[in-house]
PDB file of N, CA and C in Angstrom:
ATOM      1  N   MET A   1    -219.725  85.065 -32.303  1.00  0.00           N
ATOM      2  CA  MET A   1    -220.113  86.285 -32.963  1.00  0.00           C
ATOM      3  C   MET A   1    -219.136  86.535 -34.110  1.00  0.00           C
ATOM      4  N   LYS A   2    -219.705  86.913 -35.270  1.00  0.00           N
ATOM      5  CA  LYS A   2    -218.853  87.256 -36.421  1.00  0.00           C
ATOM      6  C   LYS A   2    -218.922  88.742 -36.646  1.00  0.00           C
ATOM      7  N   PHE A   3    -217.817  89.291 -37.139  1.00  0.00           N
ATOM      8  CA  PHE A   3    -217.688  90.733 -37.358  1.00  0.00           C
ATOM      9  C   PHE A   3    -217.082  91.007 -38.729  1.00  0.00           C
ATOM     10  N   LEU A   4    -217.661  91.993 -39.415  1.00  0.00           N
ATOM     11  CA  LEU A   4    -217.079  92.540 -40.610  1.00  0.00           C
ATOM     12  C   LEU A   4    -216.163  93.688 -40.163  1.00  0.00           C
ATOM     13  N   VAL A   5    -214.920  93.600 -40.497  1.00  0.00           N
ATOM     14  CA  VAL A   5    -213.936  94.599 -40.062  1.00  0.00           C
ATOM     15  C   VAL A   5    -213.398  95.289 -41.342  1.00  0.00           C
ATOM     16  N   SER A   6    -213.852  96.531 -41.549  1.00  0.00           N
ATOM     17  CA  SER A   6    -213.519  97.233 -42.764  1.00  0.00           C
ATOM     18  C   SER A   6    -212.298  98.098 -42.586  1.00  0.00           C
ATOM     19  N   VAL A   7    -211.425  98.069 -43.590  1.00  0.00           N
ATOM     20  CA  VAL A   7    -210.233  98.928 -43.597  1.00  0.00           C
ATOM     21  C   VAL A   7    -210.551 100.152 -44.462  1.00  0.00           C
ATOM     22  N   ILE A   8    -210.504 101.307 -43.846  1.00  0.00           N
ATOM     23  CA  ILE A   8    -210.872 102.548 -44.508  1.00  0.00           C
ATOM     24  C   ILE A   8    -209.607 103.359 -44.828  1.00  0.00           C
ATOM     25  N   ASP A   9    -209.400 103.630 -46.106  1.00  0.00           N
ATOM     26  CA  ASP A   9    -208.272 104.471 -46.521  1.00  0.00           C
ATOM     27  C   ASP A   9    -208.797 105.842 -46.908  1.00  0.00           C
ATOM     28  N   ASP A  10    -207.885 106.778 -47.092  1.00  0.00           N
ATOM     29  CA  ASP A  10    -208.275 108.171 -47.348  1.00  0.00           C
ATOM     30  C   ASP A  10    -207.404 108.646 -48.522  1.00  0.00           C
ATOM     31  N   LYS A  11    -208.059 109.065 -49.630  1.00  0.00           N
ATOM     32  CA  LYS A  11    -207.343 109.495 -50.815  1.00  0.00           C
ATOM     33  C   LYS A  11    -206.504 110.725 -50.557  1.00  0.00           C
ATOM     34  N   SER A  12    -206.943 111.596 -49.633  1.00  0.00           N
ATOM     35  CA  SER A  12    -206.194 112.828 -49.374  1.00  0.00           C
ATOM     36  C   SER A  12    -205.109 112.619 -48.310  1.00  0.00           C
ATOM     37  N   ASN A  13    -205.169 111.536 -47.559  1.00  0.00           N
ATOM     38  CA  ASN A  13    -204.142 111.224 -46.520  1.00  0.00           C
ATOM     39  C   ASN A  13    -204.043 109.727 -46.402  1.00  0.00           C
ATOM     40  N   PRO A  14    -203.493 109.038 -47.421  1.00  0.00           N
ATOM     41  CA  PRO A  14    -203.489 107.589 -47.420  1.00  0.00           C
ATOM     42  C   PRO A  14    -202.522 107.025 -46.372  1.00  0.00           C
ATOM     43  N   GLY A  15    -202.848 105.789 -45.960  1.00  0.00           N
ATOM     44  CA  GLY A  15    -201.956 105.082 -45.004  1.00  0.00           C
ATOM     45  C   GLY A  15    -200.683 104.683 -45.688  1.00  0.00           C
ATOM     46  N   SER A  16    -199.731 104.247 -44.883  1.00  0.00           N
ATOM     47  CA  SER A  16    -198.424 103.811 -45.405  1.00  0.00           C
ATOM     48  C   SER A  16    -198.601 102.645 -46.360  1.00  0.00           C
ATOM     49  N   THR A  17    -197.740 102.584 -47.362  1.00  0.00           N
ATOM     50  CA  THR A  17    -197.803 101.489 -48.352  1.00  0.00           C
ATOM     51  C   THR A  17    -196.844 100.358 -48.003  1.00  0.00           C
ATOM     52  N   ASP A  18    -196.061 100.507 -46.975  1.00  0.00           N
ATOM     53  CA  ASP A  18    -195.049  99.494 -46.628  1.00  0.00           C
ATOM     54  C   ASP A  18    -195.477  98.610 -45.432  1.00  0.00           C
ATOM     55  N   ARG A  19    -196.744  98.467 -45.217  1.00  0.00           N
ATOM     56  CA  ARG A  19    -197.258  97.799 -44.022  1.00  0.00           C
ATOM     57  C   ARG A  19    -197.475  96.300 -44.195  1.00  0.00           C
ATOM     58  N   GLN A  20    -197.267  95.731 -45.384  1.00  0.00           N
ATOM     59  CA  GLN A  20    -197.606  94.330 -45.603  1.00  0.00           C
ATOM     60  C   GLN A  20    -196.928  93.373 -44.637  1.00  0.00           C
ATOM     61  N   PRO A  21    -195.633  93.531 -44.330  1.00  0.00           N
ATOM     62  CA  PRO A  21    -195.035  92.585 -43.316  1.00  0.00           C
ATOM     63  C   PRO A  21    -195.726  92.644 -41.975  1.00  0.00           C
ATOM     64  N   VAL A  22    -196.087  93.834 -41.518  1.00  0.00           N
ATOM     65  CA  VAL A  22    -196.773  93.979 -40.230  1.00  0.00           C
ATOM     66  C   VAL A  22    -198.192  93.426 -40.287  1.00  0.00           C
ATOM     67  N   ILE A  23    -198.887  93.634 -41.401  1.00  0.00           N
ATOM     68  CA  ILE A  23    -200.221  93.092 -41.589  1.00  0.00           C
ATOM     69  C   ILE A  23    -200.187  91.576 -41.630  1.00  0.00           C
ATOM     70  N   SER A  24    -199.185  91.016 -42.305  1.00  0.00           N
ATOM     71  CA  SER A  24    -199.066  89.576 -42.390  1.00  0.00           C
ATOM     72  C   SER A  24    -198.819  88.962 -41.033  1.00  0.00           C
ATOM     73  N   GLU A  25    -197.998  89.632 -40.236  1.00  0.00           N
ATOM     74  CA  GLU A  25    -197.737  89.174 -38.830  1.00  0.00           C
ATOM     75  C   GLU A  25    -199.017  89.207 -38.032  1.00  0.00           C
ATOM     76  N   PHE A  26    -199.775  90.301 -38.149  1.00  0.00           N
ATOM     77  CA  PHE A  26    -201.053  90.416 -37.435  1.00  0.00           C
ATOM     78  C   PHE A  26    -202.017  89.310 -37.900  1.00  0.00           C
ATOM     79  N   ASN A  27    -202.107  89.076 -39.211  1.00  0.00           N
ATOM     80  CA  ASN A  27    -202.968  88.027 -39.753  1.00  0.00           C
ATOM     81  C   ASN A  27    -202.565  86.653 -39.234  1.00  0.00           C
ATOM     82  N   ASP A  28    -201.276  86.386 -39.138  1.00  0.00           N
ATOM     83  CA  ASP A  28    -200.808  85.096 -38.613  1.00  0.00           C
ATOM     84  C   ASP A  28    -201.270  84.916 -37.159  1.00  0.00           C
ATOM     85  N   ARG A  29    -201.244  86.002 -36.384  1.00  0.00           N
ATOM     86  CA  ARG A  29    -201.728  85.912 -35.004  1.00  0.00           C
ATOM     87  C   ARG A  29    -203.225  85.694 -34.944  1.00  0.00           C
ATOM     88  N   LEU A  30    -203.995  86.366 -35.830  1.00  0.00           N
ATOM     89  CA  LEU A  30    -205.438  86.145 -35.867  1.00  0.00           C
ATOM     90  C   LEU A  30    -205.735  84.692 -36.155  1.00  0.00           C
ATOM     91  N   ILE A  31    -205.012  84.108 -37.095  1.00  0.00           N
ATOM     92  CA  ILE A  31    -205.207  82.695 -37.468  1.00  0.00           C
ATOM     93  C   ILE A  31    -204.847  81.792 -36.277  1.00  0.00           C
ATOM     94  N   ALA A  32    -203.687  82.019 -35.688  1.00  0.00           N
ATOM     95  CA  ALA A  32    -203.222  81.179 -34.581  1.00  0.00           C
ATOM     96  C   ALA A  32    -204.172  81.259 -33.372  1.00  0.00           C
ATOM     97  N   ASP A  33    -204.762  82.427 -33.159  1.00  0.00           N
ATOM     98  CA  ASP A  33    -205.675  82.595 -32.002  1.00  0.00           C
ATOM     99  C   ASP A  33    -207.127  82.231 -32.299  1.00  0.00           C
ATOM    100  N   GLY A  34    -207.399  81.822 -33.568  1.00  0.00           N
ATOM    101  CA  GLY A  34    -208.730  81.355 -33.932  1.00  0.00           C
ATOM    102  C   GLY A  34    -209.770  82.438 -34.253  1.00  0.00           C
ATOM    103  N   TYR A  35    -209.311  83.686 -34.496  1.00  0.00           N
ATOM    104  CA  TYR A  35    -210.249  84.759 -34.840  1.00  0.00           C
ATOM    105  C   TYR A  35    -210.497  84.880 -36.345  1.00  0.00           C
ATOM    106  N   TRP A  36    -209.541  84.473 -37.131  1.00  0.00           N
ATOM    107  CA  TRP A  36    -209.572  84.624 -38.605  1.00  0.00           C
ATOM    108  C   TRP A  36    -210.695  83.776 -39.211  1.00  0.00           C
ATOM    109  N   VAL A  37    -211.498  84.392 -40.080  1.00  0.00           N
ATOM    110  CA  VAL A  37    -212.446  83.656 -40.918  1.00  0.00           C
ATOM    111  C   VAL A  37    -212.066  83.908 -42.363  1.00  0.00           C
ATOM    112  N   PHE A  38    -211.862  85.155 -42.748  1.00  0.00           N
ATOM    113  CA  PHE A  38    -211.558  85.496 -44.130  1.00  0.00           C
ATOM    114  C   PHE A  38    -211.066  86.932 -44.177  1.00  0.00           C
ATOM    115  N   ALA A  39    -210.285  87.271 -45.203  1.00  0.00           N
ATOM    116  CA  ALA A  39    -209.829  88.641 -45.385  1.00  0.00           C
ATOM    117  C   ALA A  39    -209.516  88.889 -46.852  1.00  0.00           C
ATOM    118  N   GLY A  40    -209.509  90.126 -47.270  1.00  0.00           N
ATOM    119  CA  GLY A  40    -209.121  90.449 -48.611  1.00  0.00           C
ATOM    120  C   GLY A  40    -208.891  91.936 -48.788  1.00  0.00           C
ATOM    121  N   GLY A  41    -207.952  92.244 -49.654  1.00  0.00           N
ATOM    122  CA  GLY A  41    -207.751  93.641 -50.064  1.00  0.00           C
ATOM    123  C   GLY A  41    -208.555  93.888 -51.315  1.00  0.00           C
ATOM    124  N   LEU A  42    -208.885  95.140 -51.572  1.00  0.00           N
ATOM    125  CA  LEU A  42    -209.720  95.508 -52.710  1.00  0.00           C
ATOM    126  C   LEU A  42    -208.955  96.366 -53.721  1.00  0.00           C
ATOM    127  N   THR A  43    -209.387  96.275 -54.999  1.00  0.00           N
ATOM    128  CA  THR A  43    -208.773  97.121 -56.008  1.00  0.00           C
ATOM    129  C   THR A  43    -209.172  98.573 -55.776  1.00  0.00           C
ATOM    130  N   GLU A  44    -208.525  99.459 -56.485  1.00  0.00           N
ATOM    131  CA  GLU A  44    -208.889 100.896 -56.374  1.00  0.00           C
ATOM    132  C   GLU A  44    -210.341 101.116 -56.726  1.00  0.00           C
ATOM    133  N   THR A  45    -210.916 102.193 -56.213  1.00  0.00           N
ATOM    134  CA  THR A  45    -212.334 102.480 -56.414  1.00  0.00           C
ATOM    135  C   THR A  45    -212.675 102.668 -57.887  1.00  0.00           C
ATOM    136  N   GLU A  46    -211.734 103.119 -58.681  1.00  0.00           N
ATOM    137  CA  GLU A  46    -211.969 103.365 -60.111  1.00  0.00           C
ATOM    138  C   GLU A  46    -212.278 102.049 -60.845  1.00  0.00           C
ATOM    139  N   ALA A  47    -211.894 100.926 -60.295  1.00  0.00           N
ATOM    140  CA  ALA A  47    -212.149  99.646 -60.923  1.00  0.00           C
ATOM    141  C   ALA A  47    -213.504  99.058 -60.522  1.00  0.00           C
ATOM    142  N   ALA A  48    -214.220  99.738 -59.631  1.00  0.00           N
ATOM    143  CA  ALA A  48    -215.521  99.225 -59.157  1.00  0.00           C
ATOM    144  C   ALA A  48    -216.557  99.258 -60.269  1.00  0.00           C
ATOM    145  N   LYS A  49    -217.504  98.359 -60.203  1.00  0.00           N
ATOM    146  CA  LYS A  49    -218.673  98.307 -61.084  1.00  0.00           C
ATOM    147  C   LYS A  49    -219.930  98.305 -60.198  1.00  0.00           C
ATOM    148  N   VAL A  50    -220.892  99.066 -60.564  1.00  0.00           N
ATOM    149  CA  VAL A  50    -222.165  99.173 -59.835  1.00  0.00           C
ATOM    150  C   VAL A  50    -223.276  98.651 -60.746  1.00  0.00           C
ATOM    151  N   ILE A  51    -224.082  97.751 -60.243  1.00  0.00           N
ATOM    152  CA  ILE A  51    -225.216  97.184 -60.994  1.00  0.00           C
ATOM    153  C   ILE A  51    -226.496  97.514 -60.236  1.00  0.00           C
ATOM    154  N   ASP A  52    -227.453  98.074 -60.984  1.00  0.00           N
ATOM    155  CA  ASP A  52    -228.756  98.413 -60.413  1.00  0.00           C
ATOM    156  C   ASP A  52    -229.791  97.720 -61.271  1.00  0.00           C
ATOM    157  N   ASN A  53    -230.392  96.667 -60.766  1.00  0.00           N
ATOM    158  CA  ASN A  53    -231.413  95.928 -61.528  1.00  0.00           C
ATOM    159  C   ASN A  53    -232.791  96.054 -60.877  1.00  0.00           C
ATOM    160  N   ARG A  54    -233.099  97.249 -60.371  1.00  0.00           N
ATOM    161  CA  ARG A  54    -234.389  97.477 -59.722  1.00  0.00           C
ATOM    162  C   ARG A  54    -235.469  97.919 -60.730  1.00  0.00           C
ATOM    163  N   GLY A  55    -235.041  98.259 -61.926  1.00  0.00           N
ATOM    164  CA  GLY A  55    -236.025  98.716 -62.916  1.00  0.00           C
ATOM    165  C   GLY A  55    -236.280  97.639 -63.964  1.00  0.00           C
ATOM    166  N   GLU A  56    -236.680  98.066 -65.132  1.00  0.00           N
ATOM    167  CA  GLU A  56    -236.994  97.162 -66.219  1.00  0.00           C
ATOM    168  C   GLU A  56    -235.735  96.552 -66.843  1.00  0.00           C
ATOM    169  N   GLN A  57    -234.680  97.328 -66.871  1.00  0.00           N
ATOM    170  CA  GLN A  57    -233.389  96.874 -67.415  1.00  0.00           C
ATOM    171  C   GLN A  57    -232.291  97.099 -66.410  1.00  0.00           C
ATOM    172  N   PRO A  58    -231.322  96.208 -66.344  1.00  0.00           N
ATOM    173  CA  PRO A  58    -230.219  96.439 -65.412  1.00  0.00           C
ATOM    174  C   PRO A  58    -229.351  97.606 -65.928  1.00  0.00           C
ATOM    175  N   LEU A  59    -228.863  98.417 -65.003  1.00  0.00           N
ATOM    176  CA  LEU A  59    -227.965  99.514 -65.313  1.00  0.00           C
ATOM    177  C   LEU A  59    -226.586  99.177 -64.760  1.00  0.00           C
ATOM    178  N   PHE A  60    -225.567  99.318 -65.553  1.00  0.00           N
ATOM    179  CA  PHE A  60    -224.215  99.062 -65.183  1.00  0.00           C
ATOM    180  C   PHE A  60    -223.442 100.376 -65.220  1.00  0.00           C
ATOM    181  N   SER A  61    -222.742 100.679 -64.118  1.00  0.00           N
ATOM    182  CA  SER A  61    -221.968 101.920 -64.059  1.00  0.00           C
ATOM    183  C   SER A  61    -220.535 101.610 -63.628  1.00  0.00           C
ATOM    184  N   ASP A  62    -219.602 102.423 -64.132  1.00  0.00           N
ATOM    185  CA  ASP A  62    -218.219 102.314 -63.725  1.00  0.00           C
ATOM    186  C   ASP A  62    -218.003 103.193 -62.497  1.00  0.00           C
ATOM    187  N   GLY A  63    -217.035 102.804 -61.698  1.00  0.00           N
ATOM    188  CA  GLY A  63    -216.624 103.631 -60.572  1.00  0.00           C
ATOM    189  C   GLY A  63    -217.387 103.272 -59.323  1.00  0.00           C
ATOM    190  N   PRO A  64    -217.038 103.931 -58.233  1.00  0.00           N
ATOM    191  CA  PRO A  64    -217.634 103.599 -56.923  1.00  0.00           C
ATOM    192  C   PRO A  64    -219.090 104.052 -56.865  1.00  0.00           C
ATOM    193  N   PHE A  65    -219.823 103.424 -55.962  1.00  0.00           N
ATOM    194  CA  PHE A  65    -221.212 103.758 -55.703  1.00  0.00           C
ATOM    195  C   PHE A  65    -221.322 105.199 -55.192  1.00  0.00           C
ATOM    196  N   VAL A  66    -220.393 105.581 -54.317  1.00  0.00           N
ATOM    197  CA  VAL A  66    -220.391 106.897 -53.708  1.00  0.00           C
ATOM    198  C   VAL A  66    -219.030 107.520 -53.941  1.00  0.00           C
ATOM    199  N   GLU A  67    -218.974 108.759 -54.407  1.00  0.00           N
ATOM    200  CA  GLU A  67    -217.703 109.478 -54.504  1.00  0.00           C
ATOM    201  C   GLU A  67    -217.360 110.011 -53.129  1.00  0.00           C
ATOM    202  N   SER A  68    -216.165 109.700 -52.664  1.00  0.00           N
ATOM    203  CA  SER A  68    -215.761 110.113 -51.320  1.00  0.00           C
ATOM    204  C   SER A  68    -214.242 110.075 -51.239  1.00  0.00           C
ATOM    205  N   LYS A  69    -213.678 110.880 -50.381  1.00  0.00           N
ATOM    206  CA  LYS A  69    -212.216 110.810 -50.169  1.00  0.00           C
ATOM    207  C   LYS A  69    -211.854 109.558 -49.395  1.00  0.00           C
ATOM    208  N   GLU A  70    -212.749 109.048 -48.575  1.00  0.00           N
ATOM    209  CA  GLU A  70    -212.530 107.794 -47.859  1.00  0.00           C
ATOM    210  C   GLU A  70    -213.173 106.658 -48.626  1.00  0.00           C
ATOM    211  N   TYR A  71    -212.541 105.511 -48.583  1.00  0.00           N
ATOM    212  CA  TYR A  71    -213.039 104.355 -49.309  1.00  0.00           C
ATOM    213  C   TYR A  71    -212.654 103.061 -48.633  1.00  0.00           C
ATOM    214  N   LEU A  72    -213.379 102.010 -48.969  1.00  0.00           N
ATOM    215  CA  LEU A  72    -213.108 100.679 -48.434  1.00  0.00           C
ATOM    216  C   LEU A  72    -211.912 100.069 -49.169  1.00  0.00           C
ATOM    217  N   ALA A  73    -210.816  99.880 -48.448  1.00  0.00           N
ATOM    218  CA  ALA A  73    -209.576  99.380 -49.043  1.00  0.00           C
ATOM    219  C   ALA A  73    -209.429  97.850 -48.886  1.00  0.00           C
ATOM    220  N   GLY A  74    -210.109  97.299 -47.895  1.00  0.00           N
ATOM    221  CA  GLY A  74    -210.015  95.876 -47.636  1.00  0.00           C
ATOM    222  C   GLY A  74    -210.901  95.523 -46.443  1.00  0.00           C
ATOM    223  N   PHE A  75    -210.869  94.266 -46.067  1.00  0.00           N
ATOM    224  CA  PHE A  75    -211.730  93.828 -44.969  1.00  0.00           C
ATOM    225  C   PHE A  75    -211.262  92.519 -44.363  1.00  0.00           C
ATOM    226  N   TRP A  76    -211.673  92.270 -43.193  1.00  0.00           N
ATOM    227  CA  TRP A  76    -211.553  90.957 -42.540  1.00  0.00           C
ATOM    228  C   TRP A  76    -212.961  90.529 -42.131  1.00  0.00           C
ATOM    229  N   VAL A  77    -213.118  89.248 -41.960  1.00  0.00           N
ATOM    230  CA  VAL A  77    -214.247  88.693 -41.218  1.00  0.00           C
ATOM    231  C   VAL A  77    -213.607  87.935 -40.048  1.00  0.00           C
ATOM    232  N   TRP A  78    -213.982  88.316 -38.867  1.00  0.00           N
ATOM    233  CA  TRP A  78    -213.432  87.691 -37.655  1.00  0.00           C
ATOM    234  C   TRP A  78    -214.550  87.012 -36.882  1.00  0.00           C
ATOM    235  N   GLU A  79    -214.187  85.976 -36.149  1.00  0.00           N
ATOM    236  CA  GLU A  79    -215.076  85.359 -35.159  1.00  0.00           C
ATOM    237  C   GLU A  79    -214.477  85.649 -33.798  1.00  0.00           C
ATOM    238  N   ALA A  80    -215.255  86.326 -32.958  1.00  0.00           N
ATOM    239  CA  ALA A  80    -214.738  86.723 -31.604  1.00  0.00           C
ATOM    240  C   ALA A  80    -215.880  86.478 -30.614  1.00  0.00           C
ATOM    241  N   PRO A  81    -215.522  86.226 -29.362  1.00  0.00           N
ATOM    242  CA  PRO A  81    -216.533  85.963 -28.383  1.00  0.00           C
ATOM    243  C   PRO A  81    -217.381  87.170 -27.967  1.00  0.00           C
ATOM    244  N   SER A  82    -216.883  88.384 -28.267  1.00  0.00           N
ATOM    245  CA  SER A  82    -217.645  89.572 -27.872  1.00  0.00           C
ATOM    246  C   SER A  82    -217.221  90.773 -28.698  1.00  0.00           C
ATOM    247  N   LEU A  83    -218.061  91.806 -28.659  1.00  0.00           N
ATOM    248  CA  LEU A  83    -217.706  93.072 -29.314  1.00  0.00           C
ATOM    249  C   LEU A  83    -216.443  93.656 -28.675  1.00  0.00           C
ATOM    250  N   ALA A  84    -216.300  93.526 -27.392  1.00  0.00           N
ATOM    251  CA  ALA A  84    -215.105  94.059 -26.718  1.00  0.00           C
ATOM    252  C   ALA A  84    -213.826  93.452 -27.262  1.00  0.00           C
ATOM    253  N   VAL A  85    -213.810  92.139 -27.502  1.00  0.00           N
ATOM    254  CA  VAL A  85    -212.644  91.483 -28.073  1.00  0.00           C
ATOM    255  C   VAL A  85    -212.412  91.967 -29.497  1.00  0.00           C
ATOM    256  N   ALA A  86    -213.503  92.079 -30.282  1.00  0.00           N
ATOM    257  CA  ALA A  86    -213.384  92.560 -31.674  1.00  0.00           C
ATOM    258  C   ALA A  86    -212.820  93.982 -31.708  1.00  0.00           C
ATOM    259  N   LEU A  87    -213.247  94.821 -30.773  1.00  0.00           N
ATOM    260  CA  LEU A  87    -212.722  96.213 -30.750  1.00  0.00           C
ATOM    261  C   LEU A  87    -211.250  96.247 -30.348  1.00  0.00           C
ATOM    262  N   GLU A  88    -210.880  95.386 -29.406  1.00  0.00           N
ATOM    263  CA  GLU A  88    -209.473  95.285 -29.019  1.00  0.00           C
ATOM    264  C   GLU A  88    -208.617  94.876 -30.213  1.00  0.00           C
ATOM    265  N   LEU A  89    -209.061  93.870 -30.951  1.00  0.00           N
ATOM    266  CA  LEU A  89    -208.332  93.422 -32.162  1.00  0.00           C
ATOM    267  C   LEU A  89    -208.311  94.528 -33.216  1.00  0.00           C
ATOM    268  N   ALA A  90    -209.425  95.227 -33.369  1.00  0.00           N
ATOM    269  CA  ALA A  90    -209.504  96.297 -34.372  1.00  0.00           C
ATOM    270  C   ALA A  90    -208.527  97.443 -34.021  1.00  0.00           C
ATOM    271  N   THR A  91    -208.332  97.696 -32.766  1.00  0.00           N
ATOM    272  CA  THR A  91    -207.366  98.713 -32.352  1.00  0.00           C
ATOM    273  C   THR A  91    -205.946  98.289 -32.832  1.00  0.00           C
ATOM    274  N   GLU A  92    -205.640  97.012 -32.652  1.00  0.00           N
ATOM    275  CA  GLU A  92    -204.348  96.523 -33.145  1.00  0.00           C
ATOM    276  C   GLU A  92    -204.291  96.543 -34.653  1.00  0.00           C
ATOM    277  N   ALA A  93    -205.414  96.217 -35.337  1.00  0.00           N
ATOM    278  CA  ALA A  93    -205.464  96.183 -36.796  1.00  0.00           C
ATOM    279  C   ALA A  93    -205.217  97.583 -37.344  1.00  0.00           C
ATOM    280  N   SER A  94    -205.798  98.588 -36.727  1.00  0.00           N
ATOM    281  CA  SER A  94    -205.605  99.940 -37.198  1.00  0.00           C
ATOM    282  C   SER A  94    -204.120 100.341 -37.177  1.00  0.00           C
ATOM    283  N   LYS A  95    -203.452  99.972 -36.105  1.00  0.00           N
ATOM    284  CA  LYS A  95    -202.020 100.254 -35.981  1.00  0.00           C
ATOM    285  C   LYS A  95    -201.231  99.446 -37.023  1.00  0.00           C
ATOM    286  N   ALA A  96    -201.599  98.187 -37.213  1.00  0.00           N
ATOM    287  CA  ALA A  96    -200.847  97.329 -38.144  1.00  0.00           C
ATOM    288  C   ALA A  96    -200.937  97.793 -39.576  1.00  0.00           C
ATOM    289  N   CYS A  97    -202.124  98.235 -39.999  1.00  0.00           N
ATOM    290  CA  CYS A  97    -202.272  98.643 -41.408  1.00  0.00           C
ATOM    291  C   CYS A  97    -202.244 100.125 -41.603  1.00  0.00           C
ATOM    292  N   ASP A  98    -202.096 100.919 -40.551  1.00  0.00           N
ATOM    293  CA  ASP A  98    -201.988 102.376 -40.628  1.00  0.00           C
ATOM    294  C   ASP A  98    -203.217 102.989 -41.319  1.00  0.00           C
ATOM    295  N   ARG A  99    -204.379 102.496 -40.935  1.00  0.00           N
ATOM    296  CA  ARG A  99    -205.614 103.002 -41.545  1.00  0.00           C
ATOM    297  C   ARG A  99    -206.734 102.954 -40.475  1.00  0.00           C
ATOM    298  N   LYS A 100    -207.800 103.650 -40.750  1.00  0.00           N
ATOM    299  CA  LYS A 100    -208.991 103.559 -39.896  1.00  0.00           C
ATOM    300  C   LYS A 100    -209.624 102.178 -40.051  1.00  0.00           C
ATOM    301  N   ILE A 101    -210.310 101.768 -39.031  1.00  0.00           N
ATOM    302  CA  ILE A 101    -211.012 100.458 -39.020  1.00  0.00           C
ATOM    303  C   ILE A 101    -212.448 100.664 -38.576  1.00  0.00           C
ATOM    304  N   GLU A 102    -213.371 100.021 -39.257  1.00  0.00           N
ATOM    305  CA  GLU A 102    -214.775 100.035 -38.872  1.00  0.00           C
ATOM    306  C   GLU A 102    -215.141  98.585 -38.502  1.00  0.00           C
ATOM    307  N   VAL A 103    -215.852  98.402 -37.382  1.00  0.00           N
ATOM    308  CA  VAL A 103    -216.258  97.088 -36.928  1.00  0.00           C
ATOM    309  C   VAL A 103    -217.788  97.051 -36.923  1.00  0.00           C
ATOM    310  N   ARG A 104    -218.355  96.029 -37.573  1.00  0.00           N
ATOM    311  CA  ARG A 104    -219.801  95.833 -37.549  1.00  0.00           C
ATOM    312  C   ARG A 104    -220.070  94.342 -37.334  1.00  0.00           C
ATOM    313  N   GLN A 105    -220.994  94.054 -36.412  1.00  0.00           N
ATOM    314  CA  GLN A 105    -221.360  92.652 -36.212  1.00  0.00           C
ATOM    315  C   GLN A 105    -222.205  92.162 -37.367  1.00  0.00           C
ATOM    316  N   ILE A 106    -221.944  90.925 -37.761  1.00  0.00           N
ATOM    317  CA  ILE A 106    -222.708  90.283 -38.792  1.00  0.00           C
ATOM    318  C   ILE A 106    -223.883  89.581 -38.120  1.00  0.00           C
ATOM    319  N   GLN A 107    -225.074  89.850 -38.577  1.00  0.00           N
ATOM    320  CA  GLN A 107    -226.285  89.258 -37.957  1.00  0.00           C
ATOM    321  C   GLN A 107    -226.585  87.899 -38.498  1.00  0.00           C
TER     322      GLN A 107
END
């Protein structure tokens, strides 16, 4: 089973900025234990571009799709044998990166 694990930050109450050593250690363990598929951090929401090509002409917009105090700061893709294992890892991930985590199974 594969899971999209989203890192949610909050503009009004952001997580710690000094977490990279702890996150790197957590990532090393994910890799060693065979859960790691891919991961990445994302630029600030102001750098986002939105493309809507449902009409006659494509529309390009600057900024995030949705204005919100919470935003997607990064993500992992994990392979785990069950949702229970993914949730256990996500609990550790939340502590490691000092942010909320959302887990969704990839179909």
